[in-house]
PDB file of N, CA and C in Angstrom:
ATOM      1  N   MET A   1     109.612 178.874  80.267  1.00  0.00           N
ATOM      2  CA  MET A   1     108.899 179.710  81.205  1.00  0.00           C
ATOM      3  C   MET A   1     108.885 181.019  80.580  1.00  0.00           C
ATOM      4  N   PRO A   2     107.658 181.735  80.473  1.00  0.00           N
ATOM      5  CA  PRO A   2     107.456 182.901  79.771  1.00  0.00           C
ATOM      6  C   PRO A   2     107.998 183.954  80.760  1.00  0.00           C
ATOM      7  N   THR A   3     108.704 184.937  80.270  1.00  0.00           N
ATOM      8  CA  THR A   3     109.066 186.100  81.083  1.00  0.00           C
ATOM      9  C   THR A   3     108.066 187.276  80.956  1.00  0.00           C
ATOM     10  N   THR A   4     107.807 187.849  82.034  1.00  0.00           N
ATOM     11  CA  THR A   4     106.829 188.971  81.909  1.00  0.00           C
ATOM     12  C   THR A   4     107.586 190.331  81.651  1.00  0.00           C
ATOM     13  N   ARG A   5     106.921 191.150  80.978  1.00  0.00           N
ATOM     14  CA  ARG A   5     107.588 192.433  80.582  1.00  0.00           C
ATOM     15  C   ARG A   5     107.404 193.301  81.713  1.00  0.00           C
ATOM     16  N   LEU A   6     108.560 194.108  81.868  1.00  0.00           N
ATOM     17  CA  LEU A   6     108.497 195.115  82.913  1.00  0.00           C
ATOM     18  C   LEU A   6     107.677 196.356  82.389  1.00  0.00           C
ATOM     19  N   ASN A   7     106.924 196.993  83.427  1.00  0.00           N
ATOM     20  CA  ASN A   7     106.244 198.151  83.072  1.00  0.00           C
ATOM     21  C   ASN A   7     107.206 199.370  83.276  1.00  0.00           C
ATOM     22  N   LEU A   8     106.695 200.505  82.770  1.00  0.00           N
ATOM     23  CA  LEU A   8     107.698 201.741  82.797  1.00  0.00           C
ATOM     24  C   LEU A   8     108.348 202.055  84.138  1.00  0.00           C
ATOM     25  N   PRO A   9     107.618 202.131  85.280  1.00  0.00           N
ATOM     26  CA  PRO A   9     108.406 202.264  86.449  1.00  0.00           C
ATOM     27  C   PRO A   9     109.451 201.352  86.721  1.00  0.00           C
ATOM     28  N   GLN A  10     109.144 200.161  86.525  1.00  0.00           N
ATOM     29  CA  GLN A  10     110.243 199.022  86.710  1.00  0.00           C
ATOM     30  C   GLN A  10     111.430 199.258  85.861  1.00  0.00           C
ATOM     31  N   GLN A  11     111.106 199.555  84.507  1.00  0.00           N
ATOM     32  CA  GLN A  11     112.282 199.817  83.691  1.00  0.00           C
ATOM     33  C   GLN A  11     113.147 201.004  84.152  1.00  0.00           C
ATOM     34  N   PHE A  12     112.516 202.083  84.603  1.00  0.00           N
ATOM     35  CA  PHE A  12     113.124 203.204  85.191  1.00  0.00           C
ATOM     36  C   PHE A  12     113.970 202.864  86.393  1.00  0.00           C
ATOM     37  N   GLY A  13     113.269 201.995  87.298  1.00  0.00           N
ATOM     38  CA  GLY A  13     114.087 201.560  88.508  1.00  0.00           C
ATOM     39  C   GLY A  13     115.295 200.669  88.085  1.00  0.00           C
ATOM     40  N   ARG A  14     115.256 199.843  87.093  1.00  0.00           N
ATOM     41  CA  ARG A  14     116.315 199.087  86.600  1.00  0.00           C
ATOM     42  C   ARG A  14     117.483 200.092  85.933  1.00  0.00           C
ATOM     43  N   PHE A  15     117.037 201.103  85.298  1.00  0.00           N
ATOM     44  CA  PHE A  15     117.999 202.112  84.724  1.00  0.00           C
ATOM     45  C   PHE A  15     118.623 202.763  85.922  1.00  0.00           C
ATOM     46  N   LEU A  16     117.909 203.185  87.012  1.00  0.00           N
ATOM     47  CA  LEU A  16     118.607 203.955  88.159  1.00  0.00           C
ATOM     48  C   LEU A  16     119.423 203.047  88.841  1.00  0.00           C
ATOM     49  N   LEU A  17     119.042 201.731  89.131  1.00  0.00           N
ATOM     50  CA  LEU A  17     119.947 200.850  89.797  1.00  0.00           C
ATOM     51  C   LEU A  17     121.317 200.464  89.068  1.00  0.00           C
ATOM     52  N   THR A  18     121.152 200.400  87.746  1.00  0.00           N
ATOM     53  CA  THR A  18     122.287 200.186  86.862  1.00  0.00           C
ATOM     54  C   THR A  18     123.209 201.407  86.934  1.00  0.00           C
ATOM     55  N   GLY A  19     122.595 202.594  86.843  1.00  0.00           N
ATOM     56  CA  GLY A  19     123.391 203.837  86.891  1.00  0.00           C
ATOM     57  C   GLY A  19     124.087 204.067  88.284  1.00  0.00           C
ATOM     58  N   ALA A  20     123.348 203.763  89.335  1.00  0.00           N
ATOM     59  CA  ALA A  20     123.948 203.867  90.679  1.00  0.00           C
ATOM     60  C   ALA A  20     125.075 202.934  90.868  1.00  0.00           C
ATOM     61  N   PHE A  21     124.942 201.679  90.269  1.00  0.00           N
ATOM     62  CA  PHE A  21     126.100 200.808  90.476  1.00  0.00           C
ATOM     63  C   PHE A  21     127.200 201.155  89.741  1.00  0.00           C
ATOM     64  N   ALA A  22     127.101 201.729  88.468  1.00  0.00           N
ATOM     65  CA  ALA A  22     128.021 202.224  87.544  1.00  0.00           C
ATOM     66  C   ALA A  22     128.754 203.363  88.180  1.00  0.00           C
ATOM     67  N   PHE A  23     127.817 204.249  88.602  1.00  0.00           N
ATOM     68  CA  PHE A  23     128.487 205.559  89.416  1.00  0.00           C
ATOM     69  C   PHE A  23     129.350 205.175  90.494  1.00  0.00           C
ATOM     70  N   THR A  24     128.925 204.259  91.322  1.00  0.00           N
ATOM     71  CA  THR A  24     129.733 203.945  92.533  1.00  0.00           C
ATOM     72  C   THR A  24     131.100 203.343  92.044  1.00  0.00           C
ATOM     73  N   VAL A  25     131.130 202.316  91.094  1.00  0.00           N
ATOM     74  CA  VAL A  25     132.390 201.752  90.615  1.00  0.00           C
ATOM     75  C   VAL A  25     133.179 202.860  89.873  1.00  0.00           C
ATOM     76  N   PHE A  26     132.586 203.741  89.068  1.00  0.00           N
ATOM     77  CA  PHE A  26     133.482 204.737  88.273  1.00  0.00           C
ATOM     78  C   PHE A  26     134.000 205.674  89.267  1.00  0.00           C
ATOM     79  N   PHE A  27     133.054 206.206  90.176  1.00  0.00           N
ATOM     80  CA  PHE A  27     133.567 207.188  91.248  1.00  0.00           C
ATOM     81  C   PHE A  27     134.736 206.729  92.183  1.00  0.00           C
ATOM     82  N   TRP A  28     134.505 205.342  92.646  1.00  0.00           N
ATOM     83  CA  TRP A  28     135.597 204.888  93.456  1.00  0.00           C
ATOM     84  C   TRP A  28     136.733 204.780  92.748  1.00  0.00           C
ATOM     85  N   SER A  29     136.858 204.270  91.576  1.00  0.00           N
ATOM     86  CA  SER A  29     138.097 204.059  90.781  1.00  0.00           C
ATOM     87  C   SER A  29     138.787 205.419  90.478  1.00  0.00           C
ATOM     88  N   LEU A  30     137.901 206.312  89.952  1.00  0.00           N
ATOM     89  CA  LEU A  30     138.589 207.641  89.655  1.00  0.00           C
ATOM     90  C   LEU A  30     139.000 208.442  90.856  1.00  0.00           C
ATOM     91  N   SER A  31     138.271 208.497  91.834  1.00  0.00           N
ATOM     92  CA  SER A  31     138.798 209.028  93.049  1.00  0.00           C
ATOM     93  C   SER A  31     139.972 208.429  93.668  1.00  0.00           C
ATOM     94  N   SER A  32     140.092 207.184  93.520  1.00  0.00           N
ATOM     95  CA  SER A  32     141.405 206.427  94.074  1.00  0.00           C
ATOM     96  C   SER A  32     142.425 206.848  93.341  1.00  0.00           C
ATOM     97  N   ILE A  33     142.254 207.035  92.065  1.00  0.00           N
ATOM     98  CA  ILE A  33     143.424 207.393  91.192  1.00  0.00           C
ATOM     99  C   ILE A  33     143.798 208.959  91.259  1.00  0.00           C
ATOM    100  N   LEU A  34     142.815 209.837  91.282  1.00  0.00           N
ATOM    101  CA  LEU A  34     142.977 211.326  91.175  1.00  0.00           C
ATOM    102  C   LEU A  34     143.298 211.999  92.627  1.00  0.00           C
ATOM    103  N   LEU A  35     142.809 211.428  93.599  1.00  0.00           N
ATOM    104  CA  LEU A  35     142.870 211.997  95.006  1.00  0.00           C
ATOM    105  C   LEU A  35     144.054 211.533  95.702  1.00  0.00           C
ATOM    106  N   SER A  36     144.747 212.473  96.342  1.00  0.00           N
ATOM    107  CA  SER A  36     145.820 212.140  97.162  1.00  0.00           C
ATOM    108  C   SER A  36     145.323 211.675  98.445  1.00  0.00           C
ATOM    109  N   SER A  37     146.123 210.954  99.264  1.00  0.00           N
ATOM    110  CA  SER A  37     145.575 210.551 100.770  1.00  0.00           C
ATOM    111  C   SER A  37     145.305 211.774 101.674  1.00  0.00           C
ATOM    112  N   GLN A  38     145.967 212.753 101.435  1.00  0.00           N
ATOM    113  CA  GLN A  38     145.834 213.861 102.207  1.00  0.00           C
ATOM    114  C   GLN A  38     144.256 214.743 101.827  1.00  0.00           C
ATOM    115  N   ASP A  39     144.139 214.682 100.620  1.00  0.00           N
ATOM    116  CA  ASP A  39     142.731 215.121 100.143  1.00  0.00           C
ATOM    117  C   ASP A  39     141.705 214.283 100.858  1.00  0.00           C
ATOM    118  N   VAL A  40     141.862 212.971 100.680  1.00  0.00           N
ATOM    119  CA  VAL A  40     140.882 212.208 101.204  1.00  0.00           C
ATOM    120  C   VAL A  40     140.705 212.308 102.749  1.00  0.00           C
ATOM    121  N   HIS A  41     141.638 212.208 103.445  1.00  0.00           N
ATOM    122  CA  HIS A  41     141.578 212.520 104.823  1.00  0.00           C
ATOM    123  C   HIS A  41     140.909 213.829 105.035  1.00  0.00           C
ATOM    124  N   ARG A  42     141.276 215.035 104.438  1.00  0.00           N
ATOM    125  CA  ARG A  42     140.607 216.392 104.593  1.00  0.00           C
ATOM    126  C   ARG A  42     139.114 216.228 104.433  1.00  0.00           C
ATOM    127  N   ASP A  43     138.719 215.516 103.270  1.00  0.00           N
ATOM    128  CA  ASP A  43     137.387 215.406 102.930  1.00  0.00           C
ATOM    129  C   ASP A  43     136.652 214.613 103.860  1.00  0.00           C
ATOM    130  N   ILE A  44     137.179 213.591 104.381  1.00  0.00           N
ATOM    131  CA  ILE A  44     136.511 212.785 105.498  1.00  0.00           C
ATOM    132  C   ILE A  44     136.334 213.595 106.673  1.00  0.00           C
ATOM    133  N   LEU A  45     137.287 214.390 107.057  1.00  0.00           N
ATOM    134  CA  LEU A  45     137.044 215.192 108.305  1.00  0.00           C
ATOM    135  C   LEU A  45     135.916 216.334 108.047  1.00  0.00           C
ATOM    136  N   ALA A  46     136.051 216.806 106.812  1.00  0.00           N
ATOM    137  CA  ALA A  46     134.869 217.920 106.437  1.00  0.00           C
ATOM    138  C   ALA A  46     133.468 217.256 106.432  1.00  0.00           C
ATOM    139  N   VAL A  47     133.448 216.049 105.880  1.00  0.00           N
ATOM    140  CA  VAL A  47     132.119 215.343 105.846  1.00  0.00           C
ATOM    141  C   VAL A  47     131.619 215.008 107.377  1.00  0.00           C
ATOM    142  N   ARG A  48     132.690 214.434 108.148  1.00  0.00           N
ATOM    143  CA  ARG A  48     132.210 214.288 109.420  1.00  0.00           C
ATOM    144  C   ARG A  48     131.684 215.489 110.328  1.00  0.00           C
ATOM    145  N   THR A  49     132.415 216.575 109.991  1.00  0.00           N
ATOM    146  CA  THR A  49     132.050 217.881 110.648  1.00  0.00           C
ATOM    147  C   THR A  49     130.738 218.358 110.303  1.00  0.00           C
ATOM    148  N   ILE A  50     130.354 218.098 109.084  1.00  0.00           N
ATOM    149  CA  ILE A  50     129.006 218.540 108.531  1.00  0.00           C
ATOM    150  C   ILE A  50     127.921 217.548 109.002  1.00  0.00           C
ATOM    151  N   VAL A  51     128.122 216.347 109.140  1.00  0.00           N
ATOM    152  CA  VAL A  51     127.234 215.417 109.600  1.00  0.00           C
ATOM    153  C   VAL A  51     126.970 215.682 111.126  1.00  0.00           C
ATOM    154  N   LYS A  52     128.034 215.854 111.889  1.00  0.00           N
ATOM    155  CA  LYS A  52     127.983 216.156 113.310  1.00  0.00           C
ATOM    156  C   LYS A  52     127.149 217.461 113.478  1.00  0.00           C
ATOM    157  N   ALA A  53     127.533 218.497 112.745  1.00  0.00           N
ATOM    158  CA  ALA A  53     126.820 219.775 112.815  1.00  0.00           C
ATOM    159  C   ALA A  53     125.352 219.744 112.533  1.00  0.00           C
ATOM    160  N   SER A  54     124.986 218.833 111.571  1.00  0.00           N
ATOM    161  CA  SER A  54     123.657 218.678 111.137  1.00  0.00           C
ATOM    162  C   SER A  54     122.809 218.066 112.226  1.00  0.00           C
ATOM    163  N   THR A  55     123.251 217.213 113.094  1.00  0.00           N
ATOM    164  CA  THR A  55     122.711 216.582 114.271  1.00  0.00           C
ATOM    165  C   THR A  55     122.523 217.605 115.367  1.00  0.00           C
ATOM    166  N   LEU A  56     123.416 218.380 115.325  1.00  0.00           N
ATOM    167  CA  LEU A  56     123.483 219.303 116.625  1.00  0.00           C
ATOM    168  C   LEU A  56     122.887 220.678 116.637  1.00  0.00           C
ATOM    169  N   LEU A  57     122.944 221.218 115.308  1.00  0.00           N
ATOM    170  CA  LEU A  57     122.360 222.509 115.020  1.00  0.00           C
ATOM    171  C   LEU A  57     121.008 222.464 114.509  1.00  0.00           C
ATOM    172  N   PRO A  58     120.150 223.468 114.813  1.00  0.00           N
ATOM    173  CA  PRO A  58     118.927 223.518 114.056  1.00  0.00           C
ATOM    174  C   PRO A  58     119.182 223.870 112.542  1.00  0.00           C
ATOM    175  N   PHE A  59     118.235 223.333 111.742  1.00  0.00           N
ATOM    176  CA  PHE A  59     118.364 223.309 110.206  1.00  0.00           C
ATOM    177  C   PHE A  59     118.474 224.705 109.699  1.00  0.00           C
ATOM    178  N   ALA A  60     117.872 225.731 110.305  1.00  0.00           N
ATOM    179  CA  ALA A  60     117.972 226.916 109.861  1.00  0.00           C
ATOM    180  C   ALA A  60     119.244 227.609 109.955  1.00  0.00           C
ATOM    181  N   ARG A  61     119.883 227.169 110.926  1.00  0.00           N
ATOM    182  CA  ARG A  61     121.285 227.677 111.257  1.00  0.00           C
ATOM    183  C   ARG A  61     122.347 226.798 110.488  1.00  0.00           C
ATOM    184  N   TRP A  62     122.114 225.613 110.306  1.00  0.00           N
ATOM    185  CA  TRP A  62     122.972 224.637 109.517  1.00  0.00           C
ATOM    186  C   TRP A  62     123.269 224.842 108.071  1.00  0.00           C
ATOM    187  N   LEU A  63     121.986 225.072 107.440  1.00  0.00           N
ATOM    188  CA  LEU A  63     121.964 225.358 106.026  1.00  0.00           C
ATOM    189  C   LEU A  63     122.876 226.567 105.555  1.00  0.00           C
ATOM    190  N   PRO A  64     122.702 227.683 106.040  1.00  0.00           N
ATOM    191  CA  PRO A  64     123.545 228.646 105.609  1.00  0.00           C
ATOM    192  C   PRO A  64     125.161 228.449 105.932  1.00  0.00           C
ATOM    193  N   ASP A  65     125.425 227.852 106.969  1.00  0.00           N
ATOM    194  CA  ASP A  65     126.880 227.419 107.247  1.00  0.00           C
ATOM    195  C   ASP A  65     127.292 226.487 106.165  1.00  0.00           C
ATOM    196  N   PHE A  66     126.411 225.494 105.877  1.00  0.00           N
ATOM    197  CA  PHE A  66     126.676 224.510 104.791  1.00  0.00           C
ATOM    198  C   PHE A  66     126.963 225.266 103.545  1.00  0.00           C
ATOM    199  N   GLU A  67     126.256 226.179 103.129  1.00  0.00           N
ATOM    200  CA  GLU A  67     126.439 226.848 101.938  1.00  0.00           C
ATOM    201  C   GLU A  67     127.569 227.709 101.956  1.00  0.00           C
ATOM    202  N   ARG A  68     127.909 228.304 103.065  1.00  0.00           N
ATOM    203  CA  ARG A  68     129.038 229.224 103.139  1.00  0.00           C
ATOM    204  C   ARG A  68     130.288 228.500 103.335  1.00  0.00           C
ATOM    205  N   GLY A  69     130.403 227.401 103.945  1.00  0.00           N
ATOM    206  CA  GLY A  69     131.641 226.745 104.300  1.00  0.00           C
ATOM    207  C   GLY A  69     131.991 225.534 103.440  1.00  0.00           C
ATOM    208  N   TYR A  70     130.992 224.576 103.385  1.00  0.00           N
ATOM    209  CA  TYR A  70     131.308 223.297 102.629  1.00  0.00           C
ATOM    210  C   TYR A  70     131.245 223.445 101.123  1.00  0.00           C
ATOM    211  N   VAL A  71     130.402 224.025 100.576  1.00  0.00           N
ATOM    212  CA  VAL A  71     130.201 224.195  99.084  1.00  0.00           C
ATOM    213  C   VAL A  71     131.529 224.826  98.490  1.00  0.00           C
ATOM    214  N   PRO A  72     131.931 225.909  99.034  1.00  0.00           N
ATOM    215  CA  PRO A  72     133.025 226.407  98.389  1.00  0.00           C
ATOM    216  C   PRO A  72     134.382 225.484  98.581  1.00  0.00           C
ATOM    217  N   PHE A  73     134.519 224.893  99.672  1.00  0.00           N
ATOM    218  CA  PHE A  73     135.454 223.964  99.896  1.00  0.00           C
ATOM    219  C   PHE A  73     135.419 222.666  98.971  1.00  0.00           C
ATOM    220  N   LEU A  74     134.260 222.295  98.718  1.00  0.00           N
ATOM    221  CA  LEU A  74     134.015 221.131  97.772  1.00  0.00           C
ATOM    222  C   LEU A  74     134.490 221.631  96.392  1.00  0.00           C
ATOM    223  N   LEU A  75     133.983 222.715  95.988  1.00  0.00           N
ATOM    224  CA  LEU A  75     134.196 223.223  94.561  1.00  0.00           C
ATOM    225  C   LEU A  75     135.676 223.498  94.316  1.00  0.00           C
ATOM    226  N   ARG A  76     136.473 223.774  95.429  1.00  0.00           N
ATOM    227  CA  ARG A  76     137.827 224.055  95.137  1.00  0.00           C
ATOM    228  C   ARG A  76     138.582 222.645  94.949  1.00  0.00           C
ATOM    229  N   GLN A  77     138.148 221.672  95.174  1.00  0.00           N
ATOM    230  CA  GLN A  77     138.760 220.397  95.016  1.00  0.00           C
ATOM    231  C   GLN A  77     138.499 219.783  93.573  1.00  0.00           C
ATOM    232  N   THR A  78     139.258 220.297  92.645  1.00  0.00           N
ATOM    233  CA  THR A  78     139.092 220.035  91.262  1.00  0.00           C
ATOM    234  C   THR A  78     139.128 218.491  91.039  1.00  0.00           C
ATOM    235  N   SER A  79     140.001 217.922  91.619  1.00  0.00           N
ATOM    236  CA  SER A  79     139.994 216.438  91.259  1.00  0.00           C
ATOM    237  C   SER A  79     138.848 215.700  91.769  1.00  0.00           C
ATOM    238  N   LEU A  80     138.253 216.101  92.896  1.00  0.00           N
ATOM    239  CA  LEU A  80     137.027 215.430  93.407  1.00  0.00           C
ATOM    240  C   LEU A  80     135.880 215.725  92.403  1.00  0.00           C
ATOM    241  N   VAL A  81     135.803 217.141  92.081  1.00  0.00           N
ATOM    242  CA  VAL A  81     134.715 217.376  91.219  1.00  0.00           C
ATOM    243  C   VAL A  81     134.898 216.723  89.833  1.00  0.00           C
ATOM    244  N   ALA A  82     136.039 216.576  89.338  1.00  0.00           N
ATOM    245  CA  ALA A  82     136.407 216.018  87.992  1.00  0.00           C
ATOM    246  C   ALA A  82     135.946 214.486  88.136  1.00  0.00           C
ATOM    247  N   SER A  83     136.305 213.671  89.228  1.00  0.00           N
ATOM    248  CA  SER A  83     135.818 212.507  89.445  1.00  0.00           C
ATOM    249  C   SER A  83     134.269 212.341  89.417  1.00  0.00           C
ATOM    250  N   TYR A  84     133.604 213.334  90.119  1.00  0.00           N
ATOM    251  CA  TYR A  84     132.259 213.199  90.155  1.00  0.00           C
ATOM    252  C   TYR A  84     131.523 213.473  88.777  1.00  0.00           C
ATOM    253  N   LEU A  85     132.088 214.488  88.114  1.00  0.00           N
ATOM    254  CA  LEU A  85     131.427 214.777  86.613  1.00  0.00           C
ATOM    255  C   LEU A  85     131.688 213.656  85.783  1.00  0.00           C
ATOM    256  N   ILE A  86     132.831 213.095  85.742  1.00  0.00           N
ATOM    257  CA  ILE A  86     133.164 212.056  84.879  1.00  0.00           C
ATOM    258  C   ILE A  86     132.438 210.728  85.184  1.00  0.00           C
ATOM    259  N   SER A  87     132.313 210.532  86.394  1.00  0.00           N
ATOM    260  CA  SER A  87     131.473 209.275  86.832  1.00  0.00           C
ATOM    261  C   SER A  87     129.972 209.451  86.590  1.00  0.00           C
ATOM    262  N   VAL A  88     129.487 210.591  86.678  1.00  0.00           N
ATOM    263  CA  VAL A  88     128.130 210.759  86.302  1.00  0.00           C
ATOM    264  C   VAL A  88     127.727 210.618  84.783  1.00  0.00           C
ATOM    265  N   THR A  89     128.780 211.103  84.109  1.00  0.00           N
ATOM    266  CA  THR A  89     128.504 210.922  82.643  1.00  0.00           C
ATOM    267  C   THR A  89     128.627 209.384  82.304  1.00  0.00           C
ATOM    268  N   LEU A  90     129.785 208.731  82.815  1.00  0.00           N
ATOM    269  CA  LEU A  90     129.880 207.374  82.263  1.00  0.00           C
ATOM    270  C   LEU A  90     128.772 206.481  83.001  1.00  0.00           C
ATOM    271  N   ALA A  91     128.260 206.838  84.111  1.00  0.00           N
ATOM    272  CA  ALA A  91     127.336 206.066  84.741  1.00  0.00           C
ATOM    273  C   ALA A  91     125.966 206.201  83.875  1.00  0.00           C
ATOM    274  N   TRP A  92     125.570 207.417  83.383  1.00  0.00           N
ATOM    275  CA  TRP A  92     124.468 207.534  82.664  1.00  0.00           C
ATOM    276  C   TRP A  92     124.642 206.884  81.424  1.00  0.00           C
ATOM    277  N   LEU A  93     125.647 207.021  80.767  1.00  0.00           N
ATOM    278  CA  LEU A  93     125.995 206.302  79.563  1.00  0.00           C
ATOM    279  C   LEU A  93     125.882 204.635  79.635  1.00  0.00           C
ATOM    280  N   ALA A  94     126.474 204.270  80.644  1.00  0.00           N
ATOM    281  CA  ALA A  94     126.485 202.845  80.876  1.00  0.00           C
ATOM    282  C   ALA A  94     124.872 202.243  81.078  1.00  0.00           C
ATOM    283  N   ALA A  95     124.221 203.007  81.981  1.00  0.00           N
ATOM    284  CA  ALA A  95     122.844 202.613  82.291  1.00  0.00           C
ATOM    285  C   ALA A  95     121.984 202.745  80.964  1.00  0.00           C
ATOM    286  N   PHE A  96     122.266 203.753  80.139  1.00  0.00           N
ATOM    287  CA  PHE A  96     121.419 203.879  78.798  1.00  0.00           C
ATOM    288  C   PHE A  96     121.822 202.776  77.911  1.00  0.00           C
ATOM    289  N   LEU A  97     123.026 202.434  77.830  1.00  0.00           N
ATOM    290  CA  LEU A  97     123.437 201.210  76.882  1.00  0.00           C
ATOM    291  C   LEU A  97     122.867 200.075  77.392  1.00  0.00           C
ATOM    292  N   TYR A  98     122.890 199.748  78.816  1.00  0.00           N
ATOM    293  CA  TYR A  98     122.519 198.520  79.231  1.00  0.00           C
ATOM    294  C   TYR A  98     121.054 198.341  79.114  1.00  0.00           C
ATOM    295  N   ASP A  99     120.316 199.399  79.344  1.00  0.00           N
ATOM    296  CA  ASP A  99     118.735 199.567  79.298  1.00  0.00           C
ATOM    297  C   ASP A  99     118.432 199.286  77.686  1.00  0.00           C
ATOM    298  N   ALA A 100     119.119 199.906  76.710  1.00  0.00           N
ATOM    299  CA  ALA A 100     118.821 199.718  75.415  1.00  0.00           C
ATOM    300  C   ALA A 100     119.141 198.168  74.966  1.00  0.00           C
ATOM    301  N   LYS A 101     120.217 197.654  75.564  1.00  0.00           N
ATOM    302  CA  LYS A 101     120.553 196.220  75.158  1.00  0.00           C
ATOM    303  C   LYS A 101     119.350 195.464  75.771  1.00  0.00           C
ATOM    304  N   VAL A 102     118.919 195.606  76.930  1.00  0.00           N
ATOM    305  CA  VAL A 102     117.731 194.640  77.474  1.00  0.00           C
ATOM    306  C   VAL A 102     116.515 194.980  76.684  1.00  0.00           C
ATOM    307  N   LEU A 103     116.283 196.074  76.509  1.00  0.00           N
ATOM    308  CA  LEU A 103     114.981 196.403  75.704  1.00  0.00           C
ATOM    309  C   LEU A 103     115.050 195.750  74.161  1.00  0.00           C
ATOM    310  N   ARG A 104     116.202 195.725  73.633  1.00  0.00           N
ATOM    311  CA  ARG A 104     116.462 195.273  72.288  1.00  0.00           C
ATOM    312  C   ARG A 104     116.153 193.688  72.316  1.00  0.00           C
ATOM    313  N   LYS A 105     116.694 193.056  73.581  1.00  0.00           N
ATOM    314  CA  LYS A 105     116.712 191.733  73.721  1.00  0.00           C
ATOM    315  C   LYS A 105     115.137 191.271  73.903  1.00  0.00           C
ATOM    316  N   GLU A 106     114.430 192.154  74.578  1.00  0.00           N
ATOM    317  CA  GLU A 106     113.186 191.889  74.715  1.00  0.00           C
ATOM    318  C   GLU A 106     112.077 192.271  73.664  1.00  0.00           C
ATOM    319  N   ASN A 107     112.698 192.721  72.496  1.00  0.00           N
ATOM    320  CA  ASN A 107     112.075 193.217  71.204  1.00  0.00           C
ATOM    321  C   ASN A 107     111.066 194.292  71.517  1.00  0.00           C
ATOM    322  N   ILE A 108     111.453 195.192  72.386  1.00  0.00           N
ATOM    323  CA  ILE A 108     110.588 196.387  72.658  1.00  0.00           C
ATOM    324  C   ILE A 108     111.164 197.619  72.016  1.00  0.00           C
ATOM    325  N   LEU A 109     112.520 197.506  71.929  1.00  0.00           N
ATOM    326  CA  LEU A 109     113.134 198.682  71.267  1.00  0.00           C
ATOM    327  C   LEU A 109     113.536 198.460  69.719  1.00  0.00           C
TER     328      LEU A 109
END
């Protein structure tokens, strides 16, 4: 049975899905290693507060509060930021290598 070649948007979608899956796996594993249970609990409470405020407050008032309160709180959490940055890098690399492998198999690359 002949296989059809994917066009560029389909290849990009495959790249994005592979990267998203790899990011989820890497971020989950790294954050479970690097974050303590207290940090996780505090992060969950902060995210819950942000989501609740986003539904109750108008956007024009919510956005400055978000920028002033949550962004500095997030950036102070070095283990969470490190997990994110490492996961992004590894996910991009995994998606790139997988895509190159598939394209080589299809004799496109």
